[in-house]
Amino acid sequence: MALYKKSFHAKPNADDETKPNASCDNCHDTHSFNAPPASVAKDAPERAAWRLSISQRCGESCHTDQLEAYTESVDGKESSEKKNAKAATCSDCLWSDPTDLGGNRIFHELVRT
């Protein structure tokens, strides 16, 4: 939660400053955090399925232009067409707040394969 509070997504929305740019439930299930826990092996099928869903989840409602560009990229084709969970996904290169490489590096490490 501390990482979220520092992120771009937690900042007030330009159109309605009473709301954040994105809240947790915009990307994650309300009742359970849908990322596999750190105890799940990096080569486990559930982690692979989760990694393969990251770009779609980010792009389907918010980052549509970026999803289109990613889908056409080498990594996007590896991920979407070949179902290669080791292909780079959005969060491998981008953090929710790119100016805070220290704090968000923890999230980045969790997501990386």
PDB file of N, CA and C in Angstrom:
ATOM      1  N   MET A   1       0.825  -1.184   0.000  1.00  0.00           N
ATOM      2  CA  MET A   1       0.000   0.000   0.000  1.00  0.00           C
ATOM      3  C   MET A   1       0.876   1.256   0.000  1.00  0.00           C
ATOM      4  N   ALA A   2       2.005   1.188   0.660  1.00  0.00           N
ATOM      5  CA  ALA A   2       2.903   2.345   0.706  1.00  0.00           C
ATOM      6  C   ALA A   2       3.407   2.703  -0.688  1.00  0.00           C
ATOM      7  N   LEU A   3       3.686   1.676  -1.499  1.00  0.00           N
ATOM      8  CA  LEU A   3       4.140   1.940  -2.864  1.00  0.00           C
ATOM      9  C   LEU A   3       3.046   2.609  -3.679  1.00  0.00           C
ATOM     10  N   TYR A   4       1.832   2.132  -3.526  1.00  0.00           N
ATOM     11  CA  TYR A   4       0.703   2.723  -4.242  1.00  0.00           C
ATOM     12  C   TYR A   4       0.555   4.202  -3.875  1.00  0.00           C
ATOM     13  N   LYS A   5       0.631   4.520  -2.603  1.00  0.00           N
ATOM     14  CA  LYS A   5       0.438   5.906  -2.150  1.00  0.00           C
ATOM     15  C   LYS A   5       1.472   6.858  -2.736  1.00  0.00           C
ATOM     16  N   LYS A   6       2.635   6.351  -3.131  1.00  0.00           N
ATOM     17  CA  LYS A   6       3.682   7.177  -3.742  1.00  0.00           C
ATOM     18  C   LYS A   6       3.558   7.225  -5.264  1.00  0.00           C
ATOM     19  N   SER A   7       2.702   6.407  -5.821  1.00  0.00           N
ATOM     20  CA  SER A   7       2.658   6.236  -7.274  1.00  0.00           C
ATOM     21  C   SER A   7       1.801   7.281  -7.983  1.00  0.00           C
ATOM     22  N   PHE A   8       1.978   7.343  -9.290  1.00  0.00           N
ATOM     23  CA  PHE A   8       1.151   8.186 -10.147  1.00  0.00           C
ATOM     24  C   PHE A   8      -0.316   7.806 -10.024  1.00  0.00           C
ATOM     25  N   HIS A   9      -0.586   6.524  -9.906  1.00  0.00           N
ATOM     26  CA  HIS A   9      -1.966   6.055  -9.841  1.00  0.00           C
ATOM     27  C   HIS A   9      -2.708   6.604  -8.632  1.00  0.00           C
ATOM     28  N   ALA A  10      -2.019   6.879  -7.538  1.00  0.00           N
ATOM     29  CA  ALA A  10      -2.661   7.389  -6.321  1.00  0.00           C
ATOM     30  C   ALA A  10      -2.881   8.900  -6.353  1.00  0.00           C
ATOM     31  N   LYS A  11      -2.221   9.583  -7.252  1.00  0.00           N
ATOM     32  CA  LYS A  11      -2.371  11.047  -7.334  1.00  0.00           C
ATOM     33  C   LYS A  11      -3.785  11.412  -7.784  1.00  0.00           C
ATOM     34  N   PRO A  12      -4.260  12.610  -7.402  1.00  0.00           N
ATOM     35  CA  PRO A  12      -5.610  13.037  -7.805  1.00  0.00           C
ATOM     36  C   PRO A  12      -5.770  13.086  -9.325  1.00  0.00           C
ATOM     37  N   ASN A  13      -6.907  12.617  -9.795  1.00  0.00           N
ATOM     38  CA  ASN A  13      -7.219  12.610 -11.216  1.00  0.00           C
ATOM     39  C   ASN A  13      -7.433  14.032 -11.707  1.00  0.00           C
ATOM     40  N   ALA A  14      -6.934  14.346 -12.882  1.00  0.00           N
ATOM     41  CA  ALA A  14      -7.054  15.696 -13.437  1.00  0.00           C
ATOM     42  C   ALA A  14      -8.504  16.098 -13.682  1.00  0.00           C
ATOM     43  N   ASP A  15      -9.353  15.138 -14.018  1.00  0.00           N
ATOM     44  CA  ASP A  15     -10.757  15.431 -14.292  1.00  0.00           C
ATOM     45  C   ASP A  15     -11.608  15.522 -13.030  1.00  0.00           C
ATOM     46  N   ASP A  16     -11.215  14.810 -11.989  1.00  0.00           N
ATOM     47  CA  ASP A  16     -11.953  14.824 -10.720  1.00  0.00           C
ATOM     48  C   ASP A  16     -10.952  14.613  -9.595  1.00  0.00           C
ATOM     49  N   GLU A  17     -10.511  15.697  -8.996  1.00  0.00           N
ATOM     50  CA  GLU A  17      -9.452  15.635  -7.990  1.00  0.00           C
ATOM     51  C   GLU A  17      -9.867  14.935  -6.698  1.00  0.00           C
ATOM     52  N   THR A  18     -11.140  14.579  -6.560  1.00  0.00           N
ATOM     53  CA  THR A  18     -11.574  13.835  -5.375  1.00  0.00           C
ATOM     54  C   THR A  18     -11.302  12.339  -5.540  1.00  0.00           C
ATOM     55  N   LYS A  19     -10.883  11.931  -6.754  1.00  0.00           N
ATOM     56  CA  LYS A  19     -10.612  10.521  -7.038  1.00  0.00           C
ATOM     57  C   LYS A  19      -9.164  10.361  -7.481  1.00  0.00           C
ATOM     58  N   PRO A  20      -8.566   9.199  -7.172  1.00  0.00           N
ATOM     59  CA  PRO A  20      -7.209   8.946  -7.665  1.00  0.00           C
ATOM     60  C   PRO A  20      -7.241   8.585  -9.152  1.00  0.00           C
ATOM     61  N   ASN A  21      -6.078   8.616  -9.787  1.00  0.00           N
ATOM     62  CA  ASN A  21      -5.992   8.188 -11.184  1.00  0.00           C
ATOM     63  C   ASN A  21      -6.458   6.745 -11.342  1.00  0.00           C
ATOM     64  N   ALA A  22      -6.107   5.905 -10.401  1.00  0.00           N
ATOM     65  CA  ALA A  22      -6.557   4.507 -10.382  1.00  0.00           C
ATOM     66  C   ALA A  22      -6.515   4.025  -8.943  1.00  0.00           C
ATOM     67  N   SER A  23      -7.509   3.252  -8.581  1.00  0.00           N
ATOM     68  CA  SER A  23      -7.515   2.662  -7.236  1.00  0.00           C
ATOM     69  C   SER A  23      -7.204   1.174  -7.359  1.00  0.00           C
ATOM     70  N   CYS A  24      -6.949   0.542  -6.252  1.00  0.00           N
ATOM     71  CA  CYS A  24      -6.542  -0.873  -6.257  1.00  0.00           C
ATOM     72  C   CYS A  24      -7.501  -1.750  -7.054  1.00  0.00           C
ATOM     73  N   ASP A  25      -8.797  -1.545  -6.846  1.00  0.00           N
ATOM     74  CA  ASP A  25      -9.768  -2.425  -7.498  1.00  0.00           C
ATOM     75  C   ASP A  25      -9.958  -2.147  -8.988  1.00  0.00           C
ATOM     76  N   ASN A  26      -9.285  -1.136  -9.526  1.00  0.00           N
ATOM     77  CA  ASN A  26      -9.290  -0.964 -10.976  1.00  0.00           C
ATOM     78  C   ASN A  26      -8.470  -2.058 -11.661  1.00  0.00           C
ATOM     79  N   CYS A  27      -7.500  -2.603 -10.950  1.00  0.00           N
ATOM     80  CA  CYS A  27      -6.615  -3.611 -11.537  1.00  0.00           C
ATOM     81  C   CYS A  27      -6.633  -4.934 -10.804  1.00  0.00           C
ATOM     82  N   HIS A  28      -7.016  -4.912  -9.536  1.00  0.00           N
ATOM     83  CA  HIS A  28      -6.950  -6.119  -8.712  1.00  0.00           C
ATOM     84  C   HIS A  28      -8.324  -6.486  -8.196  1.00  0.00           C
ATOM     85  N   ASP A  29      -8.528  -7.773  -7.983  1.00  0.00           N
ATOM     86  CA  ASP A  29      -9.771  -8.269  -7.416  1.00  0.00           C
ATOM     87  C   ASP A  29     -10.011  -7.617  -6.053  1.00  0.00           C
ATOM     88  N   THR A  30     -11.236  -7.247  -5.786  1.00  0.00           N
ATOM     89  CA  THR A  30     -11.581  -6.549  -4.548  1.00  0.00           C
ATOM     90  C   THR A  30     -11.312  -7.393  -3.310  1.00  0.00           C
ATOM     91  N   HIS A  31     -11.526  -8.685  -3.389  1.00  0.00           N
ATOM     92  CA  HIS A  31     -11.428  -9.532  -2.199  1.00  0.00           C
ATOM     93  C   HIS A  31     -10.116 -10.294  -2.067  1.00  0.00           C
ATOM     94  N   SER A  32      -9.351 -10.348  -3.124  1.00  0.00           N
ATOM     95  CA  SER A  32      -8.048 -11.007  -3.032  1.00  0.00           C
ATOM     96  C   SER A  32      -7.091 -10.333  -4.015  1.00  0.00           C
ATOM     97  N   PHE A  33      -5.885 -10.175  -3.582  1.00  0.00           N
ATOM     98  CA  PHE A  33      -4.872  -9.577  -4.450  1.00  0.00           C
ATOM     99  C   PHE A  33      -4.486 -10.634  -5.467  1.00  0.00           C
ATOM    100  N   ASN A  34      -4.699 -10.373  -6.748  1.00  0.00           N
ATOM    101  CA  ASN A  34      -4.568 -11.410  -7.760  1.00  0.00           C
ATOM    102  C   ASN A  34      -3.153 -11.648  -8.268  1.00  0.00           C
ATOM    103  N   ALA A  35      -2.161 -11.157  -7.558  1.00  0.00           N
ATOM    104  CA  ALA A  35      -0.780 -11.494  -7.892  1.00  0.00           C
ATOM    105  C   ALA A  35      -0.368 -12.684  -7.042  1.00  0.00           C
ATOM    106  N   PRO A  36       0.347 -13.640  -7.621  1.00  0.00           N
ATOM    107  CA  PRO A  36       0.762 -14.790  -6.824  1.00  0.00           C
ATOM    108  C   PRO A  36       1.703 -14.348  -5.704  1.00  0.00           C
ATOM    109  N   PRO A  37       1.586 -14.951  -4.535  1.00  0.00           N
ATOM    110  CA  PRO A  37       2.482 -14.591  -3.441  1.00  0.00           C
ATOM    111  C   PRO A  37       3.928 -14.947  -3.771  1.00  0.00           C
ATOM    112  N   ALA A  38       4.857 -14.316  -3.095  1.00  0.00           N
ATOM    113  CA  ALA A  38       6.281 -14.550  -3.333  1.00  0.00           C
ATOM    114  C   ALA A  38       6.666 -16.013  -3.130  1.00  0.00           C
ATOM    115  N   SER A  39       5.883 -16.737  -2.354  1.00  0.00           N
ATOM    116  CA  SER A  39       6.186 -18.145  -2.091  1.00  0.00           C
ATOM    117  C   SER A  39       5.928 -19.044  -3.305  1.00  0.00           C
ATOM    118  N   VAL A  40       5.204 -18.540  -4.295  1.00  0.00           N
ATOM    119  CA  VAL A  40       4.937 -19.325  -5.508  1.00  0.00           C
ATOM    120  C   VAL A  40       6.187 -19.299  -6.385  1.00  0.00           C
ATOM    121  N   ALA A  41       6.638 -20.462  -6.788  1.00  0.00           N
ATOM    122  CA  ALA A  41       7.850 -20.564  -7.607  1.00  0.00           C
ATOM    123  C   ALA A  41       7.724 -19.737  -8.879  1.00  0.00           C
ATOM    124  N   LYS A  42       8.845 -19.164  -9.292  1.00  0.00           N
ATOM    125  CA  LYS A  42       8.829 -18.304 -10.478  1.00  0.00           C
ATOM    126  C   LYS A  42       8.465 -19.062 -11.752  1.00  0.00           C
ATOM    127  N   ASP A  43       8.630 -20.381 -11.761  1.00  0.00           N
ATOM    128  CA  ASP A  43       8.285 -21.164 -12.943  1.00  0.00           C
ATOM    129  C   ASP A  43       6.941 -21.882 -12.800  1.00  0.00           C
ATOM    130  N   ALA A  44       6.184 -21.546 -11.762  1.00  0.00           N
ATOM    131  CA  ALA A  44       4.875 -22.172 -11.535  1.00  0.00           C
ATOM    132  C   ALA A  44       3.864 -21.701 -12.588  1.00  0.00           C
ATOM    133  N   PRO A  45       2.956 -22.582 -13.019  1.00  0.00           N
ATOM    134  CA  PRO A  45       1.956 -22.215 -14.028  1.00  0.00           C
ATOM    135  C   PRO A  45       1.099 -21.014 -13.618  1.00  0.00           C
ATOM    136  N   GLU A  46       0.752 -20.883 -12.340  1.00  0.00           N
ATOM    137  CA  GLU A  46      -0.076 -19.747 -11.938  1.00  0.00           C
ATOM    138  C   GLU A  46       0.677 -18.423 -12.057  1.00  0.00           C
ATOM    139  N   ARG A  47       1.990 -18.426 -11.812  1.00  0.00           N
ATOM    140  CA  ARG A  47       2.772 -17.198 -11.998  1.00  0.00           C
ATOM    141  C   ARG A  47       2.873 -16.869 -13.484  1.00  0.00           C
ATOM    142  N   ALA A  48       3.051 -17.895 -14.313  1.00  0.00           N
ATOM    143  CA  ALA A  48       3.118 -17.672 -15.759  1.00  0.00           C
ATOM    144  C   ALA A  48       1.806 -17.078 -16.264  1.00  0.00           C
ATOM    145  N   ALA A  49       0.684 -17.632 -15.837  1.00  0.00           N
ATOM    146  CA  ALA A  49      -0.630 -17.119 -16.260  1.00  0.00           C
ATOM    147  C   ALA A  49      -0.813 -15.677 -15.822  1.00  0.00           C
ATOM    148  N   TRP A  50      -0.384 -15.366 -14.608  1.00  0.00           N
ATOM    149  CA  TRP A  50      -0.502 -13.998 -14.100  1.00  0.00           C
ATOM    150  C   TRP A  50       0.364 -13.048 -14.922  1.00  0.00           C
ATOM    151  N   ARG A  51       1.618 -13.432 -15.181  1.00  0.00           N
ATOM    152  CA  ARG A  51       2.506 -12.569 -15.978  1.00  0.00           C
ATOM    153  C   ARG A  51       1.924 -12.320 -17.369  1.00  0.00           C
ATOM    154  N   LEU A  52       1.362 -13.368 -17.969  1.00  0.00           N
ATOM    155  CA  LEU A  52       0.803 -13.222 -19.309  1.00  0.00           C
ATOM    156  C   LEU A  52      -0.418 -12.304 -19.323  1.00  0.00           C
ATOM    157  N   SER A  53      -1.034 -12.073 -18.183  1.00  0.00           N
ATOM    158  CA  SER A  53      -2.225 -11.221 -18.116  1.00  0.00           C
ATOM    159  C   SER A  53      -1.918  -9.761 -17.794  1.00  0.00           C
ATOM    160  N   ILE A  54      -0.703  -9.443 -17.392  1.00  0.00           N
ATOM    161  CA  ILE A  54      -0.376  -8.087 -16.933  1.00  0.00           C
ATOM    162  C   ILE A  54      -0.652  -7.032 -17.994  1.00  0.00           C
ATOM    163  N   SER A  55      -0.115  -7.204 -19.172  1.00  0.00           N
ATOM    164  CA  SER A  55      -0.267  -6.172 -20.210  1.00  0.00           C
ATOM    165  C   SER A  55      -1.718  -5.971 -20.604  1.00  0.00           C
ATOM    166  N   GLN A  56      -2.465  -7.056 -20.711  1.00  0.00           N
ATOM    167  CA  GLN A  56      -3.885  -6.937 -21.048  1.00  0.00           C
ATOM    168  C   GLN A  56      -4.630  -6.188 -19.950  1.00  0.00           C
ATOM    169  N   ARG A  57      -4.328  -6.516 -18.702  1.00  0.00           N
ATOM    170  CA  ARG A  57      -5.002  -5.866 -17.573  1.00  0.00           C
ATOM    171  C   ARG A  57      -4.697  -4.363 -17.563  1.00  0.00           C
ATOM    172  N   CYS A  58      -3.446  -3.994 -17.824  1.00  0.00           N
ATOM    173  CA  CYS A  58      -3.078  -2.578 -17.841  1.00  0.00           C
ATOM    174  C   CYS A  58      -3.699  -1.856 -19.046  1.00  0.00           C
ATOM    175  N   GLY A  59      -3.785  -2.567 -20.161  1.00  0.00           N
ATOM    176  CA  GLY A  59      -4.190  -1.918 -21.394  1.00  0.00           C
ATOM    177  C   GLY A  59      -5.664  -1.929 -21.722  1.00  0.00           C
ATOM    178  N   GLU A  60      -6.428  -2.831 -21.136  1.00  0.00           N
ATOM    179  CA  GLU A  60      -7.814  -2.967 -21.589  1.00  0.00           C
ATOM    180  C   GLU A  60      -8.695  -1.782 -21.245  1.00  0.00           C
ATOM    181  N   SER A  61      -8.423  -1.085 -20.161  1.00  0.00           N
ATOM    182  CA  SER A  61      -9.289   0.045 -19.828  1.00  0.00           C
ATOM    183  C   SER A  61      -8.547   1.364 -19.665  1.00  0.00           C
ATOM    184  N   CYS A  62      -7.249   1.324 -19.448  1.00  0.00           N
ATOM    185  CA  CYS A  62      -6.529   2.577 -19.193  1.00  0.00           C
ATOM    186  C   CYS A  62      -5.466   2.890 -20.248  1.00  0.00           C
ATOM    187  N   HIS A  63      -4.581   1.965 -20.483  1.00  0.00           N
ATOM    188  CA  HIS A  63      -3.429   2.215 -21.344  1.00  0.00           C
ATOM    189  C   HIS A  63      -3.618   1.557 -22.713  1.00  0.00           C
ATOM    190  N   THR A  64      -4.702   1.927 -23.391  1.00  0.00           N
ATOM    191  CA  THR A  64      -5.069   1.267 -24.645  1.00  0.00           C
ATOM    192  C   THR A  64      -4.048   1.509 -25.757  1.00  0.00           C
ATOM    193  N   ASP A  65      -3.553   2.729 -25.874  1.00  0.00           N
ATOM    194  CA  ASP A  65      -2.561   3.015 -26.919  1.00  0.00           C
ATOM    195  C   ASP A  65      -1.278   2.232 -26.673  1.00  0.00           C
ATOM    196  N   GLN A  66      -0.864   2.185 -25.416  1.00  0.00           N
ATOM    197  CA  GLN A  66       0.351   1.464 -25.073  1.00  0.00           C
ATOM    198  C   GLN A  66       0.182  -0.039 -25.311  1.00  0.00           C
ATOM    199  N   LEU A  67      -1.015  -0.568 -25.041  1.00  0.00           N
ATOM    200  CA  LEU A  67      -1.267  -1.989 -25.271  1.00  0.00           C
ATOM    201  C   LEU A  67      -1.141  -2.313 -26.752  1.00  0.00           C
ATOM    202  N   GLU A  68      -1.663  -1.441 -27.582  1.00  0.00           N
ATOM    203  CA  GLU A  68      -1.572  -1.664 -29.022  1.00  0.00           C
ATOM    204  C   GLU A  68      -0.112  -1.701 -29.466  1.00  0.00           C
ATOM    205  N   ALA A  69       0.691  -0.749 -28.976  1.00  0.00           N
ATOM    206  CA  ALA A  69       2.111  -0.722 -29.332  1.00  0.00           C
ATOM    207  C   ALA A  69       2.832  -1.949 -28.786  1.00  0.00           C
ATOM    208  N   TYR A  70       2.529  -2.332 -27.547  1.00  0.00           N
ATOM    209  CA  TYR A  70       3.159  -3.501 -26.935  1.00  0.00           C
ATOM    210  C   TYR A  70       2.812  -4.771 -27.712  1.00  0.00           C
ATOM    211  N   THR A  71       1.560  -4.922 -28.088  1.00  0.00           N
ATOM    212  CA  THR A  71       1.105  -6.115 -28.795  1.00  0.00           C
ATOM    213  C   THR A  71       1.861  -6.309 -30.109  1.00  0.00           C
ATOM    214  N   GLU A  72       2.248  -5.197 -30.736  1.00  0.00           N
ATOM    215  CA  GLU A  72       2.981  -5.270 -32.001  1.00  0.00           C
ATOM    216  C   GLU A  72       4.487  -5.443 -31.796  1.00  0.00           C
ATOM    217  N   SER A  73       4.960  -5.297 -30.565  1.00  0.00           N
ATOM    218  CA  SER A  73       6.396  -5.399 -30.291  1.00  0.00           C
ATOM    219  C   SER A  73       6.843  -6.861 -30.241  1.00  0.00           C
ATOM    220  N   VAL A  74       8.144  -7.064 -30.247  1.00  0.00           N
ATOM    221  CA  VAL A  74       8.706  -8.411 -30.141  1.00  0.00           C
ATOM    222  C   VAL A  74       8.220  -9.084 -28.863  1.00  0.00           C
ATOM    223  N   ASP A  75       8.291  -8.369 -27.735  1.00  0.00           N
ATOM    224  CA  ASP A  75       7.861  -8.955 -26.463  1.00  0.00           C
ATOM    225  C   ASP A  75       6.365  -9.209 -26.438  1.00  0.00           C
ATOM    226  N   GLY A  76       5.598  -8.302 -27.008  1.00  0.00           N
ATOM    227  CA  GLY A  76       4.154  -8.482 -27.053  1.00  0.00           C
ATOM    228  C   GLY A  76       3.756  -9.707 -27.842  1.00  0.00           C
ATOM    229  N   LYS A  77       4.428  -9.942 -28.954  1.00  0.00           N
ATOM    230  CA  LYS A  77       4.147 -11.130 -29.768  1.00  0.00           C
ATOM    231  C   LYS A  77       4.566 -12.396 -29.034  1.00  0.00           C
ATOM    232  N   GLU A  78       5.700 -12.348 -28.355  1.00  0.00           N
ATOM    233  CA  GLU A  78       6.142 -13.510 -27.561  1.00  0.00           C
ATOM    234  C   GLU A  78       5.115 -13.828 -26.480  1.00  0.00           C
ATOM    235  N   SER A  79       4.608 -12.785 -25.844  1.00  0.00           N
ATOM    236  CA  SER A  79       3.656 -12.963 -24.750  1.00  0.00           C
ATOM    237  C   SER A  79       2.285 -13.399 -25.254  1.00  0.00           C
ATOM    238  N   SER A  80       1.722 -12.649 -26.182  1.00  0.00           N
ATOM    239  CA  SER A  80       0.341 -12.920 -26.587  1.00  0.00           C
ATOM    240  C   SER A  80       0.203 -14.075 -27.577  1.00  0.00           C
ATOM    241  N   GLU A  81       1.112 -14.197 -28.514  1.00  0.00           N
ATOM    242  CA  GLU A  81       0.989 -15.237 -29.531  1.00  0.00           C
ATOM    243  C   GLU A  81       1.633 -16.558 -29.103  1.00  0.00           C
ATOM    244  N   LYS A  82       2.802 -16.470 -28.481  1.00  0.00           N
ATOM    245  CA  LYS A  82       3.538 -17.689 -28.122  1.00  0.00           C
ATOM    246  C   LYS A  82       3.353 -18.083 -26.661  1.00  0.00           C
ATOM    247  N   LYS A  83       2.636 -17.240 -25.901  1.00  0.00           N
ATOM    248  CA  LYS A  83       2.376 -17.504 -24.469  1.00  0.00           C
ATOM    249  C   LYS A  83       3.671 -17.735 -23.696  1.00  0.00           C
ATOM    250  N   ASN A  84       4.688 -16.928 -24.025  1.00  0.00           N
ATOM    251  CA  ASN A  84       5.988 -16.998 -23.369  1.00  0.00           C
ATOM    252  C   ASN A  84       5.976 -16.083 -22.148  1.00  0.00           C
ATOM    253  N   ALA A  85       5.856 -16.659 -20.969  1.00  0.00           N
ATOM    254  CA  ALA A  85       5.773 -15.873 -19.736  1.00  0.00           C
ATOM    255  C   ALA A  85       7.091 -15.205 -19.381  1.00  0.00           C
ATOM    256  N   LYS A  86       8.171 -15.570 -20.062  1.00  0.00           N
ATOM    257  CA  LYS A  86       9.463 -14.923 -19.797  1.00  0.00           C
ATOM    258  C   LYS A  86       9.654 -13.677 -20.648  1.00  0.00           C
ATOM    259  N   ALA A  87       8.750 -13.423 -21.574  1.00  0.00           N
ATOM    260  CA  ALA A  87       8.827 -12.200 -22.379  1.00  0.00           C
ATOM    261  C   ALA A  87       8.571 -10.994 -21.478  1.00  0.00           C
ATOM    262  N   ALA A  88       9.213  -9.896 -21.796  1.00  0.00           N
ATOM    263  CA  ALA A  88       9.028  -8.683 -20.994  1.00  0.00           C
ATOM    264  C   ALA A  88       7.581  -8.220 -21.061  1.00  0.00           C
ATOM    265  N   THR A  89       7.074  -7.794 -19.938  1.00  0.00           N
ATOM    266  CA  THR A  89       5.733  -7.231 -19.862  1.00  0.00           C
ATOM    267  C   THR A  89       5.855  -5.787 -19.368  1.00  0.00           C
ATOM    268  N   CYS A  90       4.774  -5.040 -19.374  1.00  0.00           N
ATOM    269  CA  CYS A  90       4.800  -3.610 -19.044  1.00  0.00           C
ATOM    270  C   CYS A  90       5.610  -3.307 -17.785  1.00  0.00           C
ATOM    271  N   SER A  91       5.311  -4.026 -16.722  1.00  0.00           N
ATOM    272  CA  SER A  91       5.926  -3.719 -15.439  1.00  0.00           C
ATOM    273  C   SER A  91       7.385  -4.149 -15.331  1.00  0.00           C
ATOM    274  N   ASP A  92       7.915  -4.840 -16.324  1.00  0.00           N
ATOM    275  CA  ASP A  92       9.341  -5.156 -16.311  1.00  0.00           C
ATOM    276  C   ASP A  92      10.178  -3.918 -16.599  1.00  0.00           C
ATOM    277  N   CYS A  93       9.630  -2.992 -17.343  1.00  0.00           N
ATOM    278  CA  CYS A  93      10.359  -1.776 -17.695  1.00  0.00           C
ATOM    279  C   CYS A  93       9.784  -0.522 -17.045  1.00  0.00           C
ATOM    280  N   LEU A  94       8.515  -0.543 -16.752  1.00  0.00           N
ATOM    281  CA  LEU A  94       7.839   0.641 -16.225  1.00  0.00           C
ATOM    282  C   LEU A  94       7.376   0.422 -14.798  1.00  0.00           C
ATOM    283  N   TRP A  95       7.536   1.443 -13.999  1.00  0.00           N
ATOM    284  CA  TRP A  95       7.007   1.424 -12.640  1.00  0.00           C
ATOM    285  C   TRP A  95       5.838   2.380 -12.623  1.00  0.00           C
ATOM    286  N   SER A  96       5.001   2.290 -11.598  1.00  0.00           N
ATOM    287  CA  SER A  96       3.862   3.202 -11.537  1.00  0.00           C
ATOM    288  C   SER A  96       4.324   4.632 -11.311  1.00  0.00           C
ATOM    289  N   ASP A  97       5.512   4.825 -10.757  1.00  0.00           N
ATOM    290  CA  ASP A  97       6.081   6.163 -10.603  1.00  0.00           C
ATOM    291  C   ASP A  97       7.546   6.080 -10.991  1.00  0.00           C
ATOM    292  N   PRO A  98       7.879   6.392 -12.253  1.00  0.00           N
ATOM    293  CA  PRO A  98       9.248   6.206 -12.728  1.00  0.00           C
ATOM    294  C   PRO A  98      10.275   7.092 -12.033  1.00  0.00           C
ATOM    295  N   THR A  99       9.850   8.100 -11.293  1.00  0.00           N
ATOM    296  CA  THR A  99      10.805   8.945 -10.578  1.00  0.00           C
ATOM    297  C   THR A  99      11.211   8.316  -9.257  1.00  0.00           C
ATOM    298  N   ASP A 100      10.516   7.278  -8.812  1.00  0.00           N
ATOM    299  CA  ASP A 100      10.780   6.645  -7.524  1.00  0.00           C
ATOM    300  C   ASP A 100      11.318   5.240  -7.752  1.00  0.00           C
ATOM    301  N   LEU A 101      12.524   5.151  -8.286  1.00  0.00           N
ATOM    302  CA  LEU A 101      13.088   3.847  -8.598  1.00  0.00           C
ATOM    303  C   LEU A 101      13.426   3.050  -7.346  1.00  0.00           C
ATOM    304  N   GLY A 102      13.669   3.717  -6.242  1.00  0.00           N
ATOM    305  CA  GLY A 102      14.007   3.007  -5.008  1.00  0.00           C
ATOM    306  C   GLY A 102      12.816   2.266  -4.447  1.00  0.00           C
ATOM    307  N   GLY A 103      11.731   2.958  -4.135  1.00  0.00           N
ATOM    308  CA  GLY A 103      10.570   2.339  -3.519  1.00  0.00           C
ATOM    309  C   GLY A 103       9.860   1.367  -4.428  1.00  0.00           C
ATOM    310  N   ASN A 104       9.724   1.696  -5.680  1.00  0.00           N
ATOM    311  CA  ASN A 104       8.993   0.825  -6.586  1.00  0.00           C
ATOM    312  C   ASN A 104       9.829  -0.330  -7.104  1.00  0.00           C
ATOM    313  N   ARG A 105      11.114  -0.319  -6.810  1.00  0.00           N
ATOM    314  CA  ARG A 105      11.960  -1.446  -7.197  1.00  0.00           C
ATOM    315  C   ARG A 105      11.459  -2.724  -6.519  1.00  0.00           C
ATOM    316  N   ILE A 106      10.878  -2.608  -5.319  1.00  0.00           N
ATOM    317  CA  ILE A 106      10.332  -3.777  -4.629  1.00  0.00           C
ATOM    318  C   ILE A 106       9.218  -4.388  -5.477  1.00  0.00           C
ATOM    319  N   PHE A 107       8.311  -3.569  -5.980  1.00  0.00           N
ATOM    320  CA  PHE A 107       7.234  -4.057  -6.839  1.00  0.00           C
ATOM    321  C   PHE A 107       7.829  -4.663  -8.105  1.00  0.00           C
ATOM    322  N   HIS A 108       8.812  -3.975  -8.666  1.00  0.00           N
ATOM    323  CA  HIS A 108       9.449  -4.432  -9.894  1.00  0.00           C
ATOM    324  C   HIS A 108      10.056  -5.822  -9.687  1.00  0.00           C
ATOM    325  N   GLU A 109      10.708  -6.052  -8.570  1.00  0.00           N
ATOM    326  CA  GLU A 109      11.319  -7.345  -8.296  1.00  0.00           C
ATOM    327  C   GLU A 109      10.270  -8.425  -8.146  1.00  0.00           C
ATOM    328  N   LEU A 110       9.114  -8.091  -7.561  1.00  0.00           N
ATOM    329  CA  LEU A 110       8.036  -9.054  -7.384  1.00  0.00           C
ATOM    330  C   LEU A 110       7.503  -9.515  -8.732  1.00  0.00           C
ATOM    331  N   VAL A 111       7.411  -8.598  -9.674  1.00  0.00           N
ATOM    332  CA  VAL A 111       6.808  -8.887 -10.979  1.00  0.00           C
ATOM    333  C   VAL A 111       7.759  -9.618 -11.914  1.00  0.00           C
ATOM    334  N   ARG A 112       9.046  -9.298 -11.838  1.00  0.00           N
ATOM    335  CA  ARG A 112      10.006  -9.900 -12.755  1.00  0.00           C
ATOM    336  C   ARG A 112      10.042 -11.408 -12.641  1.00  0.00           C
ATOM    337  N   THR A 113      10.362 -12.058 -13.730  1.00  0.00           N
ATOM    338  CA  THR A 113      10.507 -13.520 -13.716  1.00  0.00           C
ATOM    339  C   THR A 113      11.901 -13.884 -13.289  1.00  0.00           C
TER     340      THR A 113
END
